[in-house]
Amino acid sequence: MRKKNFDYAKDKYYFNIKTSAQSAITINRSDKREAMLTFMGYQKAKKNVEWLGKWDGKKFTEDNFEKITEN
């Protein structure tokens, strides 16, 4: 897989859309609700998506999509 050529922005929500075995498109949203709705839209369209979570500057938090949708 090719190295990503960007830095994650703090306090944004991220998820990947896997386009092939070795590549993925990373999507980000500033708002949690907007990120969740966008992610669910891709799921509904039967895309292979992976929720990464909220970047806090060092690691991803809120990285379990099923758990955050309960709230």
PDB file of N, CA and C in Angstrom:
ATOM      1  N   MET A   1       0.847  -1.180   0.000  1.00  0.00           N
ATOM      2  CA  MET A   1       0.000   0.000   0.000  1.00  0.00           C
ATOM      3  C   MET A   1       0.890   1.240   0.000  1.00  0.00           C
ATOM      4  N   ARG A   2       0.499   2.208  -0.760  1.00  0.00           N
ATOM      5  CA  ARG A   2       1.242   3.453  -0.872  1.00  0.00           C
ATOM      6  C   ARG A   2       1.089   4.280   0.394  1.00  0.00           C
ATOM      7  N   LYS A   3       2.113   5.027   0.739  1.00  0.00           N
ATOM      8  CA  LYS A   3       2.088   5.893   1.913  1.00  0.00           C
ATOM      9  C   LYS A   3       1.079   7.024   1.706  1.00  0.00           C
ATOM     10  N   LYS A   4       0.334   7.340   2.758  1.00  0.00           N
ATOM     11  CA  LYS A   4      -0.589   8.474   2.667  1.00  0.00           C
ATOM     12  C   LYS A   4       0.226   9.762   2.576  1.00  0.00           C
ATOM     13  N   ASN A   5      -0.243  10.697   1.800  1.00  0.00           N
ATOM     14  CA  ASN A   5       0.508  11.936   1.610  1.00  0.00           C
ATOM     15  C   ASN A   5      -0.207  13.139   2.233  1.00  0.00           C
ATOM     16  N   PHE A   6      -0.725  12.931   3.443  1.00  0.00           N
ATOM     17  CA  PHE A   6      -1.358  14.013   4.181  1.00  0.00           C
ATOM     18  C   PHE A   6      -1.240  13.710   5.668  1.00  0.00           C
ATOM     19  N   ASP A   7      -1.488  14.696   6.496  1.00  0.00           N
ATOM     20  CA  ASP A   7      -1.500  14.514   7.946  1.00  0.00           C
ATOM     21  C   ASP A   7      -2.943  14.577   8.423  1.00  0.00           C
ATOM     22  N   TYR A   8      -3.261  13.738   9.393  1.00  0.00           N
ATOM     23  CA  TYR A   8      -4.598  13.778   9.975  1.00  0.00           C
ATOM     24  C   TYR A   8      -4.770  15.075  10.766  1.00  0.00           C
ATOM     25  N   ALA A   9      -5.934  15.692  10.645  1.00  0.00           N
ATOM     26  CA  ALA A   9      -6.242  16.917  11.386  1.00  0.00           C
ATOM     27  C   ALA A   9      -6.873  16.543  12.724  1.00  0.00           C
ATOM     28  N   LYS A  10      -6.457  17.220  13.754  1.00  0.00           N
ATOM     29  CA  LYS A  10      -6.961  16.951  15.100  1.00  0.00           C
ATOM     30  C   LYS A  10      -8.459  17.256  15.178  1.00  0.00           C
ATOM     31  N   ASP A  11      -9.183  16.411  15.908  1.00  0.00           N
ATOM     32  CA  ASP A  11     -10.618  16.558  16.181  1.00  0.00           C
ATOM     33  C   ASP A  11     -11.505  16.408  14.946  1.00  0.00           C
ATOM     34  N   LYS A  12     -11.037  15.677  13.954  1.00  0.00           N
ATOM     35  CA  LYS A  12     -11.871  15.338  12.806  1.00  0.00           C
ATOM     36  C   LYS A  12     -12.138  13.838  12.826  1.00  0.00           C
ATOM     37  N   TYR A  13     -13.254  13.456  12.218  1.00  0.00           N
ATOM     38  CA  TYR A  13     -13.645  12.054  12.130  1.00  0.00           C
ATOM     39  C   TYR A  13     -13.227  11.504  10.771  1.00  0.00           C
ATOM     40  N   TYR A  14     -12.681  10.288  10.772  1.00  0.00           N
ATOM     41  CA  TYR A  14     -12.152   9.691   9.559  1.00  0.00           C
ATOM     42  C   TYR A  14     -12.734   8.306   9.319  1.00  0.00           C
ATOM     43  N   PHE A  15     -12.879   7.971   8.031  1.00  0.00           N
ATOM     44  CA  PHE A  15     -13.175   6.600   7.638  1.00  0.00           C
ATOM     45  C   PHE A  15     -12.591   6.353   6.256  1.00  0.00           C
ATOM     46  N   ASN A  16     -12.360   5.081   5.947  1.00  0.00           N
ATOM     47  CA  ASN A  16     -11.788   4.681   4.665  1.00  0.00           C
ATOM     48  C   ASN A  16     -12.837   4.001   3.811  1.00  0.00           C
ATOM     49  N   ILE A  17     -12.752   4.240   2.520  1.00  0.00           N
ATOM     50  CA  ILE A  17     -13.515   3.491   1.528  1.00  0.00           C
ATOM     51  C   ILE A  17     -12.479   2.673   0.769  1.00  0.00           C
ATOM     52  N   LYS A  18     -12.548   1.361   0.917  1.00  0.00           N
ATOM     53  CA  LYS A  18     -11.575   0.496   0.254  1.00  0.00           C
ATOM     54  C   LYS A  18     -11.997   0.309  -1.197  1.00  0.00           C
ATOM     55  N   THR A  19     -11.101   0.709  -2.107  1.00  0.00           N
ATOM     56  CA  THR A  19     -11.406   0.641  -3.525  1.00  0.00           C
ATOM     57  C   THR A  19     -10.831  -0.606  -4.175  1.00  0.00           C
ATOM     58  N   SER A  20      -9.794  -1.167  -3.581  1.00  0.00           N
ATOM     59  CA  SER A  20      -9.205  -2.417  -4.054  1.00  0.00           C
ATOM     60  C   SER A  20      -8.440  -3.026  -2.890  1.00  0.00           C
ATOM     61  N   ALA A  21      -7.783  -4.143  -3.149  1.00  0.00           N
ATOM     62  CA  ALA A  21      -7.066  -4.828  -2.074  1.00  0.00           C
ATOM     63  C   ALA A  21      -5.955  -3.967  -1.477  1.00  0.00           C
ATOM     64  N   GLN A  22      -5.390  -3.072  -2.271  1.00  0.00           N
ATOM     65  CA  GLN A  22      -4.250  -2.308  -1.784  1.00  0.00           C
ATOM     66  C   GLN A  22      -4.468  -0.802  -1.721  1.00  0.00           C
ATOM     67  N   SER A  23      -5.666  -0.324  -1.977  1.00  0.00           N
ATOM     68  CA  SER A  23      -5.856   1.118  -1.910  1.00  0.00           C
ATOM     69  C   SER A  23      -7.174   1.472  -1.231  1.00  0.00           C
ATOM     70  N   ALA A  24      -7.166   2.642  -0.643  1.00  0.00           N
ATOM     71  CA  ALA A  24      -8.352   3.135   0.059  1.00  0.00           C
ATOM     72  C   ALA A  24      -8.405   4.651  -0.052  1.00  0.00           C
ATOM     73  N   ILE A  25      -9.605   5.177  -0.036  1.00  0.00           N
ATOM     74  CA  ILE A  25      -9.821   6.618  -0.040  1.00  0.00           C
ATOM     75  C   ILE A  25     -10.198   7.002   1.391  1.00  0.00           C
ATOM     76  N   THR A  26      -9.499   7.956   1.952  1.00  0.00           N
ATOM     77  CA  THR A  26      -9.774   8.415   3.317  1.00  0.00           C
ATOM     78  C   THR A  26     -10.662   9.648   3.261  1.00  0.00           C
ATOM     79  N   ILE A  27     -11.785   9.577   3.964  1.00  0.00           N
ATOM     80  CA  ILE A  27     -12.755  10.676   4.021  1.00  0.00           C
ATOM     81  C   ILE A  27     -12.740  11.238   5.442  1.00  0.00           C
ATOM     82  N   ASN A  28     -12.858  12.562   5.562  1.00  0.00           N
ATOM     83  CA  ASN A  28     -12.947  13.159   6.898  1.00  0.00           C
ATOM     84  C   ASN A  28     -14.097  14.150   6.957  1.00  0.00           C
ATOM     85  N   ARG A  29     -14.626  14.301   8.149  1.00  0.00           N
ATOM     86  CA  ARG A  29     -15.683  15.273   8.440  1.00  0.00           C
ATOM     87  C   ARG A  29     -15.397  15.890   9.808  1.00  0.00           C
ATOM     88  N   SER A  30     -15.711  17.161   9.958  1.00  0.00           N
ATOM     89  CA  SER A  30     -15.493  17.853  11.232  1.00  0.00           C
ATOM     90  C   SER A  30     -16.575  17.526  12.247  1.00  0.00           C
ATOM     91  N   ASP A  31     -17.783  17.328  11.770  1.00  0.00           N
ATOM     92  CA  ASP A  31     -18.936  17.100  12.637  1.00  0.00           C
ATOM     93  C   ASP A  31     -19.208  15.604  12.777  1.00  0.00           C
ATOM     94  N   LYS A  32     -19.408  15.139  13.998  1.00  0.00           N
ATOM     95  CA  LYS A  32     -19.650  13.718  14.262  1.00  0.00           C
ATOM     96  C   LYS A  32     -20.891  13.212  13.546  1.00  0.00           C
ATOM     97  N   ARG A  33     -21.976  13.946  13.635  1.00  0.00           N
ATOM     98  CA  ARG A  33     -23.235  13.517  13.011  1.00  0.00           C
ATOM     99  C   ARG A  33     -23.073  13.421  11.493  1.00  0.00           C
ATOM    100  N   GLU A  34     -22.435  14.411  10.905  1.00  0.00           N
ATOM    101  CA  GLU A  34     -22.211  14.415   9.465  1.00  0.00           C
ATOM    102  C   GLU A  34     -21.324  13.239   9.048  1.00  0.00           C
ATOM    103  N   ALA A  35     -20.296  12.955   9.832  1.00  0.00           N
ATOM    104  CA  ALA A  35     -19.409  11.822   9.540  1.00  0.00           C
ATOM    105  C   ALA A  35     -20.167  10.510   9.603  1.00  0.00           C
ATOM    106  N   MET A  36     -21.016  10.355  10.609  1.00  0.00           N
ATOM    107  CA  MET A  36     -21.781   9.125  10.764  1.00  0.00           C
ATOM    108  C   MET A  36     -22.778   8.949   9.622  1.00  0.00           C
ATOM    109  N   LEU A  37     -23.460  10.012   9.244  1.00  0.00           N
ATOM    110  CA  LEU A  37     -24.428   9.932   8.149  1.00  0.00           C
ATOM    111  C   LEU A  37     -23.747   9.607   6.820  1.00  0.00           C
ATOM    112  N   THR A  38     -22.598  10.208   6.579  1.00  0.00           N
ATOM    113  CA  THR A  38     -21.853   9.930   5.358  1.00  0.00           C
ATOM    114  C   THR A  38     -21.384   8.484   5.337  1.00  0.00           C
ATOM    115  N   PHE A  39     -20.852   8.015   6.460  1.00  0.00           N
ATOM    116  CA  PHE A  39     -20.389   6.630   6.573  1.00  0.00           C
ATOM    117  C   PHE A  39     -21.541   5.655   6.334  1.00  0.00           C
ATOM    118  N   MET A  40     -22.687   5.917   6.937  1.00  0.00           N
ATOM    119  CA  MET A  40     -23.843   5.036   6.765  1.00  0.00           C
ATOM    120  C   MET A  40     -24.348   5.061   5.316  1.00  0.00           C
ATOM    121  N   GLY A  41     -24.216   6.190   4.646  1.00  0.00           N
ATOM    122  CA  GLY A  41     -24.600   6.284   3.241  1.00  0.00           C
ATOM    123  C   GLY A  41     -23.749   5.366   2.371  1.00  0.00           C
ATOM    124  N   TYR A  42     -22.452   5.340   2.646  1.00  0.00           N
ATOM    125  CA  TYR A  42     -21.570   4.439   1.903  1.00  0.00           C
ATOM    126  C   TYR A  42     -21.878   2.977   2.235  1.00  0.00           C
ATOM    127  N   GLN A  43     -22.203   2.695   3.500  1.00  0.00           N
ATOM    128  CA  GLN A  43     -22.592   1.330   3.874  1.00  0.00           C
ATOM    129  C   GLN A  43     -23.848   0.911   3.122  1.00  0.00           C
ATOM    130  N   LYS A  44     -24.813   1.803   3.061  1.00  0.00           N
ATOM    131  CA  LYS A  44     -26.074   1.516   2.377  1.00  0.00           C
ATOM    132  C   LYS A  44     -25.847   1.261   0.891  1.00  0.00           C
ATOM    133  N   ALA A  45     -24.850   1.937   0.315  1.00  0.00           N
ATOM    134  CA  ALA A  45     -24.513   1.753  -1.097  1.00  0.00           C
ATOM    135  C   ALA A  45     -23.636   0.513  -1.307  1.00  0.00           C
ATOM    136  N   LYS A  46     -23.478  -0.272  -0.244  1.00  0.00           N
ATOM    137  CA  LYS A  46     -22.716  -1.539  -0.301  1.00  0.00           C
ATOM    138  C   LYS A  46     -21.230  -1.333  -0.595  1.00  0.00           C
ATOM    139  N   LYS A  47     -20.689  -0.210  -0.159  1.00  0.00           N
ATOM    140  CA  LYS A  47     -19.259   0.031  -0.299  1.00  0.00           C
ATOM    141  C   LYS A  47     -18.522  -0.641   0.853  1.00  0.00           C
ATOM    142  N   ASN A  48     -17.279  -1.006   0.625  1.00  0.00           N
ATOM    143  CA  ASN A  48     -16.441  -1.606   1.656  1.00  0.00           C
ATOM    144  C   ASN A  48     -15.805  -0.458   2.453  1.00  0.00           C
ATOM    145  N   VAL A  49     -16.387  -0.137   3.605  1.00  0.00           N
ATOM    146  CA  VAL A  49     -15.931   1.005   4.394  1.00  0.00           C
ATOM    147  C   VAL A  49     -15.390   0.551   5.744  1.00  0.00           C
ATOM    148  N   GLU A  50     -14.471   1.345   6.271  1.00  0.00           N
ATOM    149  CA  GLU A  50     -13.855   1.064   7.564  1.00  0.00           C
ATOM    150  C   GLU A  50     -13.850   2.355   8.379  1.00  0.00           C
ATOM    151  N   TRP A  51     -14.504   2.345   9.529  1.00  0.00           N
ATOM    152  CA  TRP A  51     -14.562   3.504  10.417  1.00  0.00           C
ATOM    153  C   TRP A  51     -13.246   3.595  11.175  1.00  0.00           C
ATOM    154  N   LEU A  52     -12.595   4.756  11.129  1.00  0.00           N
ATOM    155  CA  LEU A  52     -11.346   4.953  11.855  1.00  0.00           C
ATOM    156  C   LEU A  52     -11.585   5.659  13.182  1.00  0.00           C
ATOM    157  N   GLY A  53     -12.461   6.656  13.199  1.00  0.00           N
ATOM    158  CA  GLY A  53     -12.789   7.361  14.429  1.00  0.00           C
ATOM    159  C   GLY A  53     -12.339   8.807  14.418  1.00  0.00           C
ATOM    160  N   LYS A  54     -12.245   9.363  15.600  1.00  0.00           N
ATOM    161  CA  LYS A  54     -11.860  10.766  15.780  1.00  0.00           C
ATOM    162  C   LYS A  54     -10.369  10.834  16.108  1.00  0.00           C
ATOM    163  N   TRP A  55      -9.633  11.620  15.351  1.00  0.00           N
ATOM    164  CA  TRP A  55      -8.198  11.763  15.560  1.00  0.00           C
ATOM    165  C   TRP A  55      -7.947  12.801  16.649  1.00  0.00           C
ATOM    166  N   ASP A  56      -7.219  12.398  17.710  1.00  0.00           N
ATOM    167  CA  ASP A  56      -6.947  13.330  18.807  1.00  0.00           C
ATOM    168  C   ASP A  56      -5.540  13.914  18.752  1.00  0.00           C
ATOM    169  N   GLY A  57      -4.836  13.661  17.670  1.00  0.00           N
ATOM    170  CA  GLY A  57      -3.483  14.169  17.521  1.00  0.00           C
ATOM    171  C   GLY A  57      -2.438  13.083  17.688  1.00  0.00           C
ATOM    172  N   LYS A  58      -2.810  11.980  18.359  1.00  0.00           N
ATOM    173  CA  LYS A  58      -1.881  10.873  18.571  1.00  0.00           C
ATOM    174  C   LYS A  58      -2.471   9.533  18.163  1.00  0.00           C
ATOM    175  N   LYS A  59      -3.785   9.387  18.352  1.00  0.00           N
ATOM    176  CA  LYS A  59      -4.448   8.121  18.032  1.00  0.00           C
ATOM    177  C   LYS A  59      -5.917   8.378  17.747  1.00  0.00           C
ATOM    178  N   PHE A  60      -6.574   7.349  17.231  1.00  0.00           N
ATOM    179  CA  PHE A  60      -8.004   7.456  16.971  1.00  0.00           C
ATOM    180  C   PHE A  60      -8.794   7.097  18.220  1.00  0.00           C
ATOM    181  N   THR A  61      -9.757   7.952  18.552  1.00  0.00           N
ATOM    182  CA  THR A  61     -10.708   7.662  19.624  1.00  0.00           C
ATOM    183  C   THR A  61     -12.068   7.488  18.962  1.00  0.00           C
ATOM    184  N   GLU A  62     -13.046   7.035  19.719  1.00  0.00           N
ATOM    185  CA  GLU A  62     -14.385   6.778  19.178  1.00  0.00           C
ATOM    186  C   GLU A  62     -14.277   5.912  17.923  1.00  0.00           C
ATOM    187  N   ASP A  63     -13.451   4.878  18.011  1.00  0.00           N
ATOM    188  CA  ASP A  63     -13.148   4.066  16.837  1.00  0.00           C
ATOM    189  C   ASP A  63     -14.065   2.856  16.649  1.00  0.00           C
ATOM    190  N   ASN A  64     -15.041   2.683  17.524  1.00  0.00           N
ATOM    191  CA  ASN A  64     -16.004   1.594  17.379  1.00  0.00           C
ATOM    192  C   ASN A  64     -17.328   2.195  16.909  1.00  0.00           C
ATOM    193  N   PHE A  65     -17.626   2.038  15.621  1.00  0.00           N
ATOM    194  CA  PHE A  65     -18.805   2.678  15.040  1.00  0.00           C
ATOM    195  C   PHE A  65     -20.104   2.194  15.685  1.00  0.00           C
ATOM    196  N   GLU A  66     -20.200   0.900  15.940  1.00  0.00           N
ATOM    197  CA  GLU A  66     -21.429   0.352  16.541  1.00  0.00           C
ATOM    198  C   GLU A  66     -21.667   0.943  17.938  1.00  0.00           C
ATOM    199  N   LYS A  67     -20.593   1.146  18.671  1.00  0.00           N
ATOM    200  CA  LYS A  67     -20.727   1.691  20.024  1.00  0.00           C
ATOM    201  C   LYS A  67     -21.163   3.154  20.018  1.00  0.00           C
ATOM    202  N   ILE A  68     -20.644   3.968  19.097  1.00  0.00           N
ATOM    203  CA  ILE A  68     -21.014   5.381  19.092  1.00  0.00           C
ATOM    204  C   ILE A  68     -22.402   5.610  18.528  1.00  0.00           C
ATOM    205  N   THR A  69     -22.916   4.671  17.725  1.00  0.00           N
ATOM    206  CA  THR A  69     -24.269   4.843  17.183  1.00  0.00           C
ATOM    207  C   THR A  69     -25.330   4.545  18.239  1.00  0.00           C
ATOM    208  N   GLU A  70     -24.930   3.897  19.331  1.00  0.00           N
ATOM    209  CA  GLU A  70     -25.879   3.639  20.434  1.00  0.00           C
ATOM    210  C   GLU A  70     -26.213   4.918  21.177  1.00  0.00           C
ATOM    211  N   ASN A  71     -25.293   5.884  21.174  1.00  0.00           N
ATOM    212  CA  ASN A  71     -25.477   7.131  21.944  1.00  0.00           C
ATOM    213  C   ASN A  71     -26.386   8.103  21.244  1.00  0.00           C
TER     214      ASN A  71
END
